[in-house]
Protein backbone atom coordinates (compact mmCIF):
# COMPACT_ATOMS: atom_id res chain seq x y z
CA MET A 1 -5.57 27.37 42.34
CA SER A 2 -8.73 27.03 44.51
CA PRO A 3 -7.60 23.66 46.02
CA VAL A 4 -4.39 25.29 47.26
CA LEU A 5 -6.26 28.29 48.71
CA LYS A 6 -8.74 25.94 50.38
CA LEU A 7 -5.89 24.02 51.96
CA LEU A 8 -4.31 27.27 53.19
CA ARG A 9 -7.57 28.29 54.87
CA HIS A 10 -8.12 24.95 56.61
CA ASN A 11 -4.54 24.29 57.73
CA PRO A 12 -3.20 27.04 60.05
CA LEU A 13 0.21 25.35 59.97
CA LEU A 14 0.68 26.68 56.45
CA LEU A 15 0.77 30.22 57.81
CA LEU A 16 4.38 29.41 58.61
CA LEU A 17 5.08 29.73 54.88
CA VAL A 18 5.99 33.35 55.59
CA PHE A 19 9.24 32.03 57.04
CA VAL A 20 10.32 30.69 53.62
CA PRO A 21 11.11 34.11 52.12
CA ALA A 22 12.21 35.31 55.57
CA VAL A 23 14.98 32.75 55.88
CA LEU A 24 16.21 33.47 52.35
CA VAL A 25 16.28 37.22 53.05
CA VAL A 26 18.09 36.83 56.38
CA GLN A 27 20.59 34.46 54.78
CA LYS A 28 21.32 37.13 52.16
CA LEU A 29 21.55 40.06 54.57
CA SER A 30 23.11 38.39 57.63
CA PRO A 31 24.77 35.09 56.69
CA ASP A 32 26.64 34.93 60.02
CA ALA A 33 23.47 34.80 62.17
CA SER A 34 23.72 31.02 62.52
CA VAL A 35 21.25 30.46 65.37
CA LEU A 36 18.60 32.70 63.79
CA LEU A 37 19.03 31.01 60.41
CA PHE A 38 18.81 27.60 62.08
CA VAL A 39 15.49 28.43 63.76
CA LEU A 40 14.01 30.13 60.68
CA SER A 41 14.97 27.25 58.38
CA VAL A 42 13.28 24.71 60.67
CA LEU A 43 10.12 26.84 60.80
CA ALA A 44 10.18 27.19 57.00
CA ILE A 45 10.59 23.48 56.27
CA VAL A 46 7.54 22.49 58.37
CA PRO A 47 4.85 24.14 56.15
CA LEU A 48 6.68 23.08 53.00
CA ALA A 49 6.50 19.52 54.30
CA ALA A 50 2.75 19.88 54.81
CA LEU A 51 2.25 21.00 51.20
CA LEU A 52 4.46 18.18 49.98
CA SER A 53 2.38 15.73 52.00
CA HIS A 54 -0.95 16.74 50.48
CA ALA A 55 0.40 16.86 46.93
CA THR A 56 1.95 13.40 47.30
CA GLU A 57 -1.31 11.93 48.58
CA SER A 58 -3.12 13.40 45.57
CA VAL A 59 -0.65 11.73 43.20
CA ALA A 60 -0.81 8.44 45.10
CA ALA A 61 -4.62 8.45 44.90
CA ARG A 62 -4.33 8.16 41.11
CA THR A 63 -1.13 6.15 40.65
CA GLY A 64 -1.36 3.75 43.59
CA ASP A 65 0.51 3.73 46.86
CA SER A 66 3.61 1.96 45.52
CA VAL A 67 4.20 4.53 42.76
CA GLY A 68 3.17 7.37 45.06
CA GLY A 69 5.62 6.23 47.71
CA LEU A 70 8.41 5.93 45.15
CA LEU A 71 7.67 9.42 43.84
CA ASN A 72 7.67 10.89 47.33
CA ALA A 73 10.91 9.14 48.27
CA THR A 74 12.57 10.33 45.05
CA LEU A 75 11.59 13.96 45.53
CA GLY A 76 12.49 13.85 49.21
CA ASN A 77 15.91 12.38 48.52
CA LEU A 78 16.54 14.92 45.77
CA THR A 79 17.13 17.53 48.46
CA GLU A 80 19.70 15.36 50.22
CA LEU A 81 21.35 14.56 46.89
CA VAL A 82 21.77 18.25 46.03
CA ILE A 83 23.24 19.00 49.46
CA ALA A 84 25.59 16.02 49.22
CA LEU A 85 26.81 17.10 45.78
CA SER A 86 27.67 20.52 47.22
CA ALA A 87 29.65 18.82 49.99
CA LEU A 88 31.43 16.65 47.42
CA ARG A 89 32.63 19.72 45.53
CA ALA A 90 34.16 20.98 48.77
CA GLY A 91 35.80 17.61 49.43
CA GLN A 92 33.79 17.02 52.63
CA HIS A 93 33.49 13.27 52.21
CA MET A 94 32.86 12.53 55.87
CA LEU A 95 29.95 14.96 55.93
CA VAL A 96 28.46 13.14 52.94
CA LYS A 97 28.92 9.73 54.58
CA ALA A 98 27.42 10.94 57.86
CA SER A 99 24.34 12.29 56.09
CA ILE A 100 23.90 9.02 54.17
CA ALA A 101 24.14 6.85 57.29
CA GLY A 102 21.91 9.17 59.31
CA ALA A 103 19.23 9.30 56.61
CA ILE A 104 19.08 5.50 56.33
CA ILE A 105 18.71 5.08 60.10
CA THR A 106 16.19 7.91 60.50
CA ASN A 107 13.95 6.70 57.67
CA THR A 108 14.11 3.06 58.72
CA LEU A 109 13.48 3.56 62.45
CA PHE A 110 12.02 6.99 63.20
CA MET A 111 9.84 7.57 60.14
CA LEU A 112 8.48 4.01 60.02
CA GLY A 113 8.07 3.77 63.79
CA ALA A 114 6.27 7.10 64.12
CA ALA A 115 3.96 6.16 61.22
CA PHE A 116 3.06 2.87 62.95
CA LEU A 117 2.48 4.69 66.24
CA LEU A 118 0.34 7.52 64.83
CA GLY A 119 -1.68 5.16 62.67
CA GLY A 120 -2.12 2.68 65.50
CA LEU A 121 -3.45 5.31 67.88
CA LYS A 122 -6.38 5.88 65.49
CA HIS A 123 -6.81 2.36 64.08
CA ARG A 124 -6.50 -0.65 66.39
CA VAL A 125 -4.82 -2.91 63.82
CA GLN A 126 -3.51 -1.85 60.41
CA GLU A 127 -2.52 -4.03 57.48
CA PHE A 128 -0.10 -3.44 54.64
CA ASN A 129 1.26 -5.46 51.73
CA ARG A 130 4.00 -7.54 53.30
CA VAL A 131 5.35 -8.52 49.88
CA GLY A 132 6.34 -4.93 49.20
CA ALA A 133 7.74 -4.50 52.70
CA ARG A 134 9.78 -7.69 52.35
CA LEU A 135 11.22 -6.52 49.03
CA GLN A 136 12.25 -3.15 50.48
CA ALA A 137 13.75 -4.82 53.56
CA ALA A 138 15.67 -7.30 51.39
CA LEU A 139 17.04 -4.48 49.23
CA LEU A 140 18.05 -2.54 52.32
CA PHE A 141 19.80 -5.63 53.70
CA LEU A 142 21.66 -6.00 50.40
CA ALA A 143 22.84 -2.39 50.65
CA THR A 144 23.85 -2.95 54.28
CA ILE A 145 26.07 -5.87 53.26
CA ALA A 146 27.65 -3.73 50.56
CA LEU A 147 28.37 -0.98 53.12
CA LEU A 148 29.71 -3.43 55.71
CA VAL A 149 32.30 -4.91 53.36
CA PRO A 150 34.41 -1.73 52.91
CA ALA A 151 33.98 -0.89 56.62
CA SER A 152 35.46 -4.28 57.58
CA VAL A 153 38.61 -3.79 55.50
CA PRO A 154 41.48 -3.35 57.99
CA ASP A 155 43.88 -0.45 57.69
CA THR A 156 47.13 -2.26 56.99
CA GLY A 157 49.01 0.87 56.04
CA THR A 158 50.56 -0.96 53.11
CA PRO A 159 50.84 0.68 49.70
CA GLY A 160 47.79 0.02 47.57
CA SER A 161 45.30 -0.52 50.43
CA GLU A 162 43.60 2.82 49.82
CA GLU A 163 43.43 2.11 46.09
CA TYR A 164 41.86 -1.28 46.87
CA VAL A 165 39.09 0.33 48.93
CA GLN A 166 38.46 2.86 46.17
CA GLN A 167 38.22 0.19 43.47
CA LEU A 168 35.99 -1.92 45.71
CA SER A 169 33.68 1.04 46.33
CA PHE A 170 33.48 1.78 42.61
CA GLY A 171 32.54 -1.81 41.80
CA LEU A 172 29.99 -2.00 44.62
CA SER A 173 28.39 1.25 43.43
CA ILE A 174 27.84 -0.21 39.97
CA LEU A 175 26.31 -3.38 41.44
CA LEU A 176 23.99 -1.47 43.77
CA ILE A 177 22.67 0.77 40.99
CA ILE A 178 22.00 -2.29 38.81
CA ALA A 179 20.20 -4.01 41.69
CA TYR A 180 18.06 -0.92 42.31
CA GLY A 181 17.11 -0.66 38.63
CA LEU A 182 16.14 -4.34 38.47
CA ALA A 183 14.10 -3.98 41.66
CA MET A 184 12.13 -1.11 40.12
CA LEU A 185 11.52 -3.21 37.02
CA PHE A 186 10.35 -6.11 39.19
CA SER A 187 7.98 -4.11 41.42
CA LEU A 188 6.60 -1.63 38.89
CA LYS A 189 6.49 -3.74 35.73
CA THR A 190 6.84 -7.53 35.69
CA HIS A 191 5.22 -8.25 39.11
CA ARG A 192 3.24 -5.10 39.72
CA ASP A 193 0.13 -7.02 40.74
CA SER A 194 1.97 -8.53 43.71
CA PHE A 195 2.51 -5.09 45.20
CA ALA A 196 -1.09 -3.89 45.21
CA SER A 197 -2.15 -1.94 48.28
CA ALA A 198 -3.97 -3.62 51.13
CA GLU A 199 -7.61 -2.65 51.55
CA ALA A 200 -8.00 0.58 53.50
CA ASP A 201 -10.47 3.38 54.03
CA HIS A 202 -9.19 6.27 51.93
CA GLU A 203 -10.76 8.99 53.97
CA GLY A 204 -9.75 12.61 53.77
CA ASP A 205 -10.09 15.60 51.48
CA LYS A 206 -10.72 15.26 47.78
CA PRO A 207 -7.38 14.86 45.98
CA TRP A 208 -6.03 17.62 43.79
CA PRO A 209 -5.98 17.38 40.01
CA LEU A 210 -2.91 15.44 38.87
CA GLY A 211 -1.32 18.41 37.07
CA LEU A 212 -1.67 20.68 40.11
CA ALA A 213 -0.32 17.99 42.43
CA VAL A 214 2.76 17.30 40.29
CA GLY A 215 3.42 21.02 39.82
CA THR A 216 3.17 21.60 43.58
CA LEU A 217 5.57 18.72 44.23
CA ALA A 218 8.16 20.21 41.89
CA PHE A 219 7.66 23.76 43.19
CA VAL A 220 7.87 22.81 46.86
CA THR A 221 10.88 20.55 46.30
CA VAL A 222 12.87 23.50 44.91
CA PHE A 223 12.17 25.61 48.00
CA VAL A 224 12.86 22.68 50.33
CA ALA A 225 16.26 22.35 48.67
CA LEU A 226 16.99 26.07 49.09
CA VAL A 227 15.92 26.17 52.73
CA SER A 228 17.68 22.90 53.54
CA GLU A 229 20.92 24.31 52.18
CA VAL A 230 20.61 27.29 54.52
CA PHE A 231 19.87 24.90 57.38
CA VAL A 232 22.98 22.79 56.74
CA GLU A 233 25.18 25.88 56.48
CA SER A 234 23.95 27.26 59.81
CA VAL A 235 23.42 24.12 61.86
CA GLN A 236 27.09 23.54 62.72
CA LYS A 237 27.63 26.84 64.55
CA ALA A 238 24.10 26.78 65.95
CA ALA A 239 24.77 23.34 67.43
CA GLU A 240 27.84 24.65 69.24
CA VAL A 241 25.83 27.48 70.75
CA LEU A 242 22.95 25.17 71.72
CA GLY A 243 25.25 22.53 73.22
CA MET A 244 24.64 19.68 70.77
CA THR A 245 27.44 17.29 69.83
CA PRO A 246 28.54 17.11 66.16
CA ALA A 247 27.58 13.42 65.98
CA PHE A 248 24.06 14.14 67.23
CA VAL A 249 23.62 16.96 64.72
CA GLY A 250 24.92 14.96 61.76
CA PHE A 251 22.96 11.78 62.37
CA ILE A 252 19.79 13.04 64.05
CA VAL A 253 19.04 16.74 63.51
CA VAL A 254 20.10 17.03 59.87
CA SER A 255 18.34 13.77 58.95
CA LEU A 256 15.09 14.73 60.69
CA VAL A 257 14.88 18.15 59.09
CA GLY A 258 16.06 16.91 55.69
CA GLY A 259 13.34 14.25 55.63
CA ALA A 260 10.55 16.44 57.00
CA GLY A 261 8.58 16.35 53.75
CA GLU A 262 8.63 12.58 53.48
CA MET A 263 7.76 12.21 57.16
CA ALA A 264 4.72 14.47 56.87
CA SER A 265 3.44 12.36 53.97
CA ALA A 266 4.09 9.06 55.77
CA PHE A 267 2.43 10.22 59.00
CA ALA A 268 -0.65 11.62 57.26
CA ALA A 269 -1.07 8.43 55.22
CA ALA A 270 -0.84 6.26 58.36
CA ARG A 271 -3.52 8.32 60.12
CA ARG A 272 -5.79 7.75 57.10
CA ASN A 273 -5.19 3.99 57.26
CA ARG A 274 -3.04 3.97 54.13
CA LEU A 275 -0.13 2.15 55.69
CA ASP A 276 1.09 0.84 52.32
CA LEU A 277 1.96 4.40 51.37
CA SER A 278 3.70 4.99 54.71
CA VAL A 279 5.81 1.84 54.42
CA ALA A 280 6.63 2.61 50.78
CA ILE A 281 7.82 6.10 51.71
CA ALA A 282 9.86 5.12 54.78
CA LEU A 283 11.57 1.94 53.56
CA GLY A 284 11.60 3.12 49.95
CA SER A 285 13.45 6.30 50.91
CA ALA A 286 16.03 4.40 52.97
CA THR A 287 16.50 1.87 50.17
CA GLN A 288 16.86 4.57 47.54
CA ILE A 289 19.52 6.35 49.59
CA ALA A 290 21.51 3.17 50.15
CA LEU A 291 21.14 1.62 46.68
CA PHE A 292 21.03 4.69 44.46
CA VAL A 293 21.98 7.98 46.11
CA ALA A 294 25.15 6.72 47.82
CA PRO A 295 26.50 4.92 44.70
CA VAL A 296 25.68 7.92 42.50
CA LEU A 297 27.65 10.14 44.87
CA VAL A 298 30.64 7.79 44.65
CA LEU A 299 30.55 7.88 40.85
CA ALA A 300 29.96 11.64 40.78
CA SER A 301 33.01 12.21 43.00
CA TYR A 302 35.21 11.16 40.08
CA PHE A 303 34.01 14.21 38.13
CA ILE A 304 33.49 16.82 40.85
CA GLY A 305 35.50 17.60 43.93
CA PRO A 306 39.20 17.28 44.67
CA ARG A 307 39.32 13.45 44.95
CA PRO A 308 37.09 10.36 44.59
CA MET A 309 34.94 9.22 47.51
CA ASP A 310 34.65 5.63 48.76
CA LEU A 311 31.93 3.72 50.64
CA GLN A 312 34.06 2.97 53.68
CA LEU A 313 32.07 3.93 56.78
CA TRP A 314 33.48 3.88 60.29
CA PRO A 315 32.40 0.82 62.37
CA GLY A 316 29.89 2.68 64.54
CA ALA A 317 27.85 3.88 61.55
CA ALA A 318 27.93 0.50 59.80
CA THR A 319 26.79 -1.28 62.97
CA MET A 320 23.83 1.05 63.51
CA ILE A 321 22.72 0.63 59.89
CA LEU A 322 22.84 -3.16 60.31
CA PHE A 323 20.75 -3.09 63.51
CA ALA A 324 18.25 -0.67 61.96
CA THR A 325 17.82 -2.93 58.92
CA LEU A 326 17.32 -6.06 61.02
CA THR A 327 14.79 -4.32 63.27
CA ALA A 328 12.75 -3.06 60.32
CA SER A 329 12.83 -6.53 58.72
CA PHE A 330 11.47 -8.16 61.87
CA VAL A 331 8.56 -5.78 62.45
CA THR A 332 7.38 -5.66 58.81
CA ASN A 333 7.51 -9.40 58.19
CA GLY A 334 3.88 -10.07 59.16
CA GLY A 335 2.13 -7.33 57.18
CA ARG A 336 0.22 -6.09 60.27
CA SER A 337 0.93 -3.29 62.68
CA ALA A 338 -0.31 -1.76 65.92
CA TRP A 339 0.81 1.25 67.91
CA PHE A 340 3.25 -0.71 70.10
CA VAL A 341 5.17 -1.89 67.04
CA GLY A 342 5.92 1.75 66.36
CA VAL A 343 7.06 2.19 69.95
CA LEU A 344 9.59 -0.64 69.53
CA LEU A 345 11.08 1.00 66.42
CA LEU A 346 11.22 4.39 68.09
CA MET A 347 12.93 2.90 71.16
CA VAL A 348 15.75 1.51 69.01
CA TYR A 349 16.08 4.91 67.36
CA LEU A 350 16.18 6.65 70.76
CA VAL A 351 18.94 4.30 71.91
CA PHE A 352 21.05 5.46 68.97
CA ALA A 353 20.07 9.10 69.51
CA LEU A 354 20.96 9.02 73.21
CA SER A 355 24.32 7.41 72.45
CA LEU A 356 25.13 10.07 69.88
CA PHE A 357 23.93 12.92 72.10
CA LEU A 358 26.19 11.83 74.98
CA LEU A 359 29.28 11.30 72.84
CA PRO A 360 32.24 13.16 74.37
CA PRO A 361 33.55 16.15 72.38
CA ARG A 362 36.32 15.48 69.92
CA GLU A 363 39.94 16.39 70.56
CA SER A 364 41.11 19.96 70.15
CA ALA A 365 43.17 21.13 67.24
CA ALA A 366 46.31 21.11 69.38
CA GLU A 367 45.89 17.41 70.07
CA GLY A 368 45.20 16.50 66.48
CA VAL A 369 42.19 15.53 64.42
CA PRO A 370 40.48 12.15 64.75
CA ASP A 371 40.73 9.76 61.84
CA LEU A 372 37.01 9.07 61.60
CA GLN A 373 37.30 5.77 59.77
CA HIS A 374 39.85 4.11 62.01
CA GLY A 375 39.64 6.06 65.27
CA ARG A 376 43.20 7.42 65.25
CA LEU A 377 44.67 10.89 65.30
CA ASN A 378 46.40 12.33 62.30
CA ALA A 379 48.08 15.61 61.54
CA ARG A 380 45.57 17.13 59.14
CA PRO A 381 44.43 20.68 59.96
CA GLN A 382 41.11 20.72 61.77
CA GLN A 383 39.40 22.99 59.27
CA ASP A 384 39.71 20.27 56.63
CA VAL A 385 37.45 17.91 58.60
CA PRO A 386 33.69 18.51 58.66
CA ALA A 387 32.02 18.74 62.04
CA LEU A 388 28.85 16.77 61.32
CA VAL A 389 30.37 13.36 61.78
CA PHE A 390 30.40 10.43 64.18
CA VAL A 391 33.66 10.68 66.14
CA PRO A 392 34.41 7.52 68.16
CA GLN A 393 36.13 7.99 71.51
CA GLN A 394 39.56 6.46 71.89
CA PRO A 395 40.92 5.08 75.17
CA GLN A 396 43.56 7.17 76.86
CA ALA A 397 47.06 5.73 76.87
CA SER A 398 48.24 4.82 80.33
């Protein structure tokens, strides 16, 4: 365990690990202290993300950046998958859809843009394998098309329209999972040589032994899942106290904290001129959510929860995913990056964040509950609708 102790001595940020047991204890003793739990969970996730970052880099040093990025994205998305499954059991389908859309946008724009910026501030020009970036962007575009199709289905109100959307979502989920499996076969087996990392200076500390690195990844992922669950349970009430809109919390705050581990790995790799690993983590995570996590949740909803879930997003979410995918495709097409490329990605992300932050509050319970997919009011009780969702504003009738 000497490598871990050495890392603890040289990284003061890891002293925040004391907040990991603290947040679990406070959650047990005072589950209603939402603001305190919100702050403690954020402070606990930060050092866990740092450990996850170093362990992932140690694995990537032996397996290659493509496999290392895939491993990091998988473990990072495992947390979001566990949280989404809990929401499915409670029938909170809109919360699940909001977290999916927010994670795709955050990984594609914020994580990739910040990695380009941080790496570019230390290295004037950085190169990465554009073949791998093009594959990830193409897969993400495929998933975007699959998500746009259900969102474009009009609400005719005729009998059978809801069943049509459900059957369409089921079929699309099967196709997306097949496409993701074939893409893994293509990139990791039949054409693995085409996805080799670009030349880079692998500076930094000596990597951990493979067994220690993998064990740390598994250990940290468990605690990230536990702390993230506390965060999601407390963030809704904390957001009301802190004055944040539900849309901003669902798309921005939850996604940023939920992906903290992956972001730490991507940022550290970019600073060490290992941009292949950063791109693999950022785009690979977004692709995995869109092509694998979302379809798996649709299929799992047939076995858990009160009713099946579909892939029908509301127009605002589908549009932002489309723009995020197109932006990432443009900036990764050349296989080279500089700090200003990261600024461009972050600016697009900030446009979305500002729009969500300034969204007007939703209608009160007396006025009805917004239909989040079609922008209308219905008569469902407000407690049945999750708060972490994108609620479009409707024009007032004259």
